[in-house]
Amino acid sequence: MTLKVLMVVAPRNFRDEELFTPKKILEDAGVKVSVASRGVNEATGAVGARVNVDVDVSQANAADYDAVVFIGGAGAAVYFNDPVVLKLAGESFSAGKLTAAICIAPSILANAGILQGRKATSFPSEKGNLVSKGATYVSQPVVEDGLIVTAVGPQAAGGFGRKLVGKLTR
């Protein structure tokens, strides 16, 4: 059975390496990766890379995937209070699936209510939000707490990808 991962990116200004580095690591491990975004057929990264969007977030169903991963970059802020995206994160977590986020995207998990009482990390700008939503902030590149994996930013993209593969293939 092929493992399937949904990677959610902002329509514009996602961090290129936070998508492409873990995506390649996952695909090299035999995982089928689909990309979701809102309202576009092609999303554009902060550094200019483009990626085809396989599914609109409004049509994405956590039950169809083994993991849902939220990619950071300044553009990810459009999802911080997006009820559809927060519901997707909550459904992934509630269904016992790997739920992950990197850079500023852990605020999506925090705002969805799933970091309460859990260890997590994020880009430093989001530390206050994570703590205010009940997370225990850990200053490490990649933090794992059960089926939640968070990472600090672009420099952690490789470790983030390897951690996702490790959790999925256990």
C-alpha atoms as a PDB file:
ATOM      1  CA  MET A   1       0.000   0.000   0.000  1.00  0.00           C
ATOM      2  CA  THR A   2       1.395   3.382  -0.989  1.00  0.00           C
ATOM      3  CA  LEU A   3       1.519   5.987   1.749  1.00  0.00           C
ATOM      4  CA  LYS A   4      -0.103   9.300   0.818  1.00  0.00           C
ATOM      5  CA  VAL A   5       0.768  12.736   2.175  1.00  0.00           C
ATOM      6  CA  LEU A   6      -1.024  16.034   1.582  1.00  0.00           C
ATOM      7  CA  MET A   7       1.243  19.095   1.693  1.00  0.00           C
ATOM      8  CA  VAL A   8      -0.666  22.366   2.113  1.00  0.00           C
ATOM      9  CA  VAL A   9       0.962  25.518   0.715  1.00  0.00           C
ATOM     10  CA  ALA A  10      -0.151  29.126   0.484  1.00  0.00           C
ATOM     11  CA  PRO A  11      -1.129  30.300  -3.015  1.00  0.00           C
ATOM     12  CA  ARG A  12       1.802  32.757  -2.853  1.00  0.00           C
ATOM     13  CA  ASN A  13       4.930  33.146  -0.736  1.00  0.00           C
ATOM     14  CA  PHE A  14       5.287  29.650   0.712  1.00  0.00           C
ATOM     15  CA  ARG A  15       8.938  28.859   1.567  1.00  0.00           C
ATOM     16  CA  ASP A  16      10.258  26.946  -1.425  1.00  0.00           C
ATOM     17  CA  GLU A  17      12.727  24.729   0.446  1.00  0.00           C
ATOM     18  CA  GLU A  18      10.166  23.898   3.158  1.00  0.00           C
ATOM     19  CA  LEU A  19       8.017  22.314   0.445  1.00  0.00           C
ATOM     20  CA  PHE A  20      10.549  20.872  -1.983  1.00  0.00           C
ATOM     21  CA  THR A  21      13.119  19.418   0.457  1.00  0.00           C
ATOM     22  CA  PRO A  22      10.660  17.300   2.523  1.00  0.00           C
ATOM     23  CA  LYS A  23       8.622  16.506  -0.618  1.00  0.00           C
ATOM     24  CA  LYS A  24      11.691  15.013  -2.302  1.00  0.00           C
ATOM     25  CA  ILE A  25      12.627  13.069   0.845  1.00  0.00           C
ATOM     26  CA  LEU A  26       9.078  11.678   1.067  1.00  0.00           C
ATOM     27  CA  GLU A  27       8.942  10.796  -2.644  1.00  0.00           C
ATOM     28  CA  ASP A  28      12.377   9.154  -2.502  1.00  0.00           C
ATOM     29  CA  ALA A  29      10.921   6.952   0.266  1.00  0.00           C
ATOM     30  CA  GLY A  30       8.056   5.902  -2.025  1.00  0.00           C
ATOM     31  CA  VAL A  31       5.413   8.205  -0.546  1.00  0.00           C
ATOM     32  CA  LYS A  32       2.843   9.749  -2.921  1.00  0.00           C
ATOM     33  CA  VAL A  33       2.717  13.493  -2.240  1.00  0.00           C
ATOM     34  CA  SER A  34      -0.205  15.707  -3.250  1.00  0.00           C
ATOM     35  CA  VAL A  35      -0.085  19.489  -2.987  1.00  0.00           C
ATOM     36  CA  ALA A  36      -3.075  21.520  -1.806  1.00  0.00           C
ATOM     37  CA  SER A  37      -3.628  25.269  -1.887  1.00  0.00           C
ATOM     38  CA  ARG A  38      -6.514  27.710  -2.144  1.00  0.00           C
ATOM     39  CA  GLY A  39      -7.951  29.059  -5.372  1.00  0.00           C
ATOM     40  CA  VAL A  40      -4.968  28.443  -7.673  1.00  0.00           C
ATOM     41  CA  ASN A  41      -3.800  25.736 -10.066  1.00  0.00           C
ATOM     42  CA  GLU A  42      -0.196  26.708  -9.458  1.00  0.00           C
ATOM     43  CA  ALA A  43       1.263  28.071  -6.211  1.00  0.00           C
ATOM     44  CA  THR A  44       4.295  30.366  -6.161  1.00  0.00           C
ATOM     45  CA  GLY A  45       7.050  30.194  -3.575  1.00  0.00           C
ATOM     46  CA  ALA A  46       8.764  33.149  -1.907  1.00  0.00           C
ATOM     47  CA  VAL A  47      11.937  32.433  -3.886  1.00  0.00           C
ATOM     48  CA  GLY A  48       9.986  32.067  -7.133  1.00  0.00           C
ATOM     49  CA  ALA A  49       9.535  28.322  -7.529  1.00  0.00           C
ATOM     50  CA  ARG A  50       6.178  27.152  -8.824  1.00  0.00           C
ATOM     51  CA  VAL A  51       4.309  23.988  -7.966  1.00  0.00           C
ATOM     52  CA  ASN A  52       1.205  22.455  -9.500  1.00  0.00           C
ATOM     53  CA  VAL A  53      -1.706  22.224  -7.093  1.00  0.00           C
ATOM     54  CA  ASP A  54      -3.392  18.809  -7.071  1.00  0.00           C
ATOM     55  CA  VAL A  55      -6.382  19.693  -4.876  1.00  0.00           C
ATOM     56  CA  ASP A  56      -7.976  22.853  -3.514  1.00  0.00           C
ATOM     57  CA  VAL A  57      -7.922  22.889   0.288  1.00  0.00           C
ATOM     58  CA  SER A  58     -11.705  23.298   0.229  1.00  0.00           C
ATOM     59  CA  GLN A  59     -11.915  19.843  -1.427  1.00  0.00           C
ATOM     60  CA  ALA A  60      -9.192  18.137   0.630  1.00  0.00           C
ATOM     61  CA  ASN A  61     -10.222  15.356   2.979  1.00  0.00           C
ATOM     62  CA  ALA A  62      -7.824  14.286   5.728  1.00  0.00           C
ATOM     63  CA  ALA A  63      -9.257  10.753   5.571  1.00  0.00           C
ATOM     64  CA  ASP A  64      -7.699  10.328   2.100  1.00  0.00           C
ATOM     65  CA  TYR A  65      -4.130  10.731   3.413  1.00  0.00           C
ATOM     66  CA  ASP A  66      -1.744   9.183   5.910  1.00  0.00           C
ATOM     67  CA  ALA A  67      -0.434  12.636   6.865  1.00  0.00           C
ATOM     68  CA  VAL A  68      -1.286  16.294   6.407  1.00  0.00           C
ATOM     69  CA  VAL A  69       1.680  18.693   6.371  1.00  0.00           C
ATOM     70  CA  PHE A  70       1.407  22.487   6.500  1.00  0.00           C
ATOM     71  CA  ILE A  71       4.238  24.395   4.813  1.00  0.00           C
ATOM     72  CA  GLY A  72       5.415  27.769   6.105  1.00  0.00           C
ATOM     73  CA  GLY A  73       6.646  30.976   4.599  1.00  0.00           C
ATOM     74  CA  ALA A  74       4.989  34.376   5.003  1.00  0.00           C
ATOM     75  CA  GLY A  75       2.076  33.311   2.796  1.00  0.00           C
ATOM     76  CA  ALA A  76       0.982  30.644   5.295  1.00  0.00           C
ATOM     77  CA  ALA A  77      -0.506  33.391   7.467  1.00  0.00           C
ATOM     78  CA  VAL A  78      -3.539  33.383   5.122  1.00  0.00           C
ATOM     79  CA  TYR A  79      -4.508  30.089   6.754  1.00  0.00           C
ATOM     80  CA  PHE A  80      -4.118  31.119  10.424  1.00  0.00           C
ATOM     81  CA  ASN A  81      -7.841  31.792  10.830  1.00  0.00           C
ATOM     82  CA  ASP A  82      -9.172  29.924   7.792  1.00  0.00           C
ATOM     83  CA  PRO A  83     -11.987  27.672   9.084  1.00  0.00           C
ATOM     84  CA  VAL A  84     -11.547  25.153   6.239  1.00  0.00           C
ATOM     85  CA  VAL A  85      -7.814  24.757   6.882  1.00  0.00           C
ATOM     86  CA  LEU A  86      -8.212  24.663  10.672  1.00  0.00           C
ATOM     87  CA  LYS A  87     -10.875  21.960  10.231  1.00  0.00           C
ATOM     88  CA  LEU A  88      -8.525  19.973   7.946  1.00  0.00           C
ATOM     89  CA  ALA A  89      -5.784  20.118  10.603  1.00  0.00           C
ATOM     90  CA  GLY A  90      -8.215  19.114  13.335  1.00  0.00           C
ATOM     91  CA  GLU A  91      -9.641  16.222  11.311  1.00  0.00           C
ATOM     92  CA  SER A  92      -6.169  14.918  10.495  1.00  0.00           C
ATOM     93  CA  PHE A  93      -5.191  14.950  14.158  1.00  0.00           C
ATOM     94  CA  SER A  94      -8.529  13.567  15.412  1.00  0.00           C
ATOM     95  CA  ALA A  95      -8.273  10.677  12.951  1.00  0.00           C
ATOM     96  CA  GLY A  96      -4.899   9.697  14.429  1.00  0.00           C
ATOM     97  CA  LYS A  97      -2.938  10.740  11.347  1.00  0.00           C
ATOM     98  CA  LEU A  98       0.478  12.350  11.272  1.00  0.00           C
ATOM     99  CA  THR A  99      -0.124  16.109  11.387  1.00  0.00           C
ATOM    100  CA  ALA A 100       2.865  18.361  10.806  1.00  0.00           C
ATOM    101  CA  ALA A 101       3.882  21.977  10.198  1.00  0.00           C
ATOM    102  CA  ILE A 102       7.052  23.965   9.594  1.00  0.00           C
ATOM    103  CA  CYS A 103       8.123  27.622  10.051  1.00  0.00           C
ATOM    104  CA  ILE A 104       5.081  29.831  10.843  1.00  0.00           C
ATOM    105  CA  ALA A 105       2.613  27.053   9.943  1.00  0.00           C
ATOM    106  CA  PRO A 106       2.613  25.515  13.475  1.00  0.00           C
ATOM    107  CA  SER A 107       0.318  28.462  14.302  1.00  0.00           C
ATOM    108  CA  ILE A 108      -2.263  26.724  12.095  1.00  0.00           C
ATOM    109  CA  LEU A 109      -2.028  23.686  14.397  1.00  0.00           C
ATOM    110  CA  ALA A 110      -2.148  25.921  17.488  1.00  0.00           C
ATOM    111  CA  ASN A 111      -5.177  27.819  16.196  1.00  0.00           C
ATOM    112  CA  ALA A 112      -6.887  24.504  15.399  1.00  0.00           C
ATOM    113  CA  GLY A 113      -6.530  23.634  19.088  1.00  0.00           C
ATOM    114  CA  ILE A 114      -4.297  20.603  18.634  1.00  0.00           C
ATOM    115  CA  LEU A 115      -1.101  21.838  20.322  1.00  0.00           C
ATOM    116  CA  GLN A 116      -2.728  22.192  23.758  1.00  0.00           C
ATOM    117  CA  GLY A 117      -0.487  20.341  26.228  1.00  0.00           C
ATOM    118  CA  ARG A 118       1.982  19.299  23.505  1.00  0.00           C
ATOM    119  CA  LYS A 119       5.600  20.087  22.744  1.00  0.00           C
ATOM    120  CA  ALA A 120       6.117  22.088  19.567  1.00  0.00           C
ATOM    121  CA  THR A 121       8.462  24.480  17.807  1.00  0.00           C
ATOM    122  CA  SER A 122       8.045  27.112  15.098  1.00  0.00           C
ATOM    123  CA  PHE A 123       9.670  30.134  13.550  1.00  0.00           C
ATOM    124  CA  PRO A 124      10.389  32.465  16.531  1.00  0.00           C
ATOM    125  CA  SER A 125       7.663  34.931  15.469  1.00  0.00           C
ATOM    126  CA  GLU A 126       5.003  32.324  16.338  1.00  0.00           C
ATOM    127  CA  LYS A 127       6.300  31.288  19.773  1.00  0.00           C
ATOM    128  CA  GLY A 128       3.876  33.583  21.630  1.00  0.00           C
ATOM    129  CA  ASN A 129       0.870  32.238  19.747  1.00  0.00           C
ATOM    130  CA  LEU A 130       1.853  28.604  20.344  1.00  0.00           C
ATOM    131  CA  VAL A 131       2.360  29.220  24.070  1.00  0.00           C
ATOM    132  CA  SER A 132      -0.923  31.174  24.329  1.00  0.00           C
ATOM    133  CA  LYS A 133      -2.728  28.155  22.811  1.00  0.00           C
ATOM    134  CA  GLY A 134      -1.256  25.790  25.416  1.00  0.00           C
ATOM    135  CA  ALA A 135       1.819  24.415  23.655  1.00  0.00           C
ATOM    136  CA  THR A 136       5.120  23.859  25.412  1.00  0.00           C
ATOM    137  CA  TYR A 137       7.581  25.671  23.159  1.00  0.00           C
ATOM    138  CA  VAL A 138      10.826  23.786  22.539  1.00  0.00           C
ATOM    139  CA  SER A 139      13.770  25.568  20.893  1.00  0.00           C
ATOM    140  CA  GLN A 140      14.900  22.718  18.654  1.00  0.00           C
ATOM    141  CA  PRO A 141      14.978  22.420  14.842  1.00  0.00           C
ATOM    142  CA  VAL A 142      12.402  19.585  14.728  1.00  0.00           C
ATOM    143  CA  VAL A 143      10.081  18.574  17.561  1.00  0.00           C
ATOM    144  CA  GLU A 144       7.985  15.410  17.691  1.00  0.00           C
ATOM    145  CA  ASP A 145       5.120  14.899  20.143  1.00  0.00           C
ATOM    146  CA  GLY A 146       3.177  11.762  19.314  1.00  0.00           C
ATOM    147  CA  LEU A 147       1.697  12.182  15.840  1.00  0.00           C
ATOM    148  CA  ILE A 148       2.519  15.904  15.698  1.00  0.00           C
ATOM    149  CA  VAL A 149       5.785  17.044  14.116  1.00  0.00           C
ATOM    150  CA  THR A 150       6.796  20.709  14.002  1.00  0.00           C
ATOM    151  CA  ALA A 151       9.921  22.387  12.664  1.00  0.00           C
ATOM    152  CA  VAL A 152      11.488  25.823  12.970  1.00  0.00           C
ATOM    153  CA  GLY A 153      12.073  26.876   9.361  1.00  0.00           C
ATOM    154  CA  PRO A 154      13.980  26.421   6.086  1.00  0.00           C
ATOM    155  CA  GLN A 155      17.204  25.243   7.735  1.00  0.00           C
ATOM    156  CA  ALA A 156      15.244  22.396   9.360  1.00  0.00           C
ATOM    157  CA  ALA A 157      13.526  21.270   6.125  1.00  0.00           C
ATOM    158  CA  GLY A 158      15.765  18.211   5.651  1.00  0.00           C
ATOM    159  CA  GLY A 159      15.401  17.030   9.236  1.00  0.00           C
ATOM    160  CA  PHE A 160      11.664  17.692   9.031  1.00  0.00           C
ATOM    161  CA  GLY A 161      11.366  15.535   5.901  1.00  0.00           C
ATOM    162  CA  ARG A 162      13.398  12.705   7.422  1.00  0.00           C
ATOM    163  CA  LYS A 163      11.291  12.812  10.621  1.00  0.00           C
ATOM    164  CA  LEU A 164       8.085  12.605   8.544  1.00  0.00           C
ATOM    165  CA  VAL A 165       9.394   9.548   6.671  1.00  0.00           C
ATOM    166  CA  GLY A 166      10.463   7.964   9.965  1.00  0.00           C
ATOM    167  CA  LYS A 167       7.025   8.487  11.520  1.00  0.00           C
ATOM    168  CA  LEU A 168       5.173   7.233   8.441  1.00  0.00           C
ATOM    169  CA  THR A 169       7.268   4.098   7.903  1.00  0.00           C
ATOM    170  CA  ARG A 170       7.454   2.942  11.524  1.00  0.00           C
END
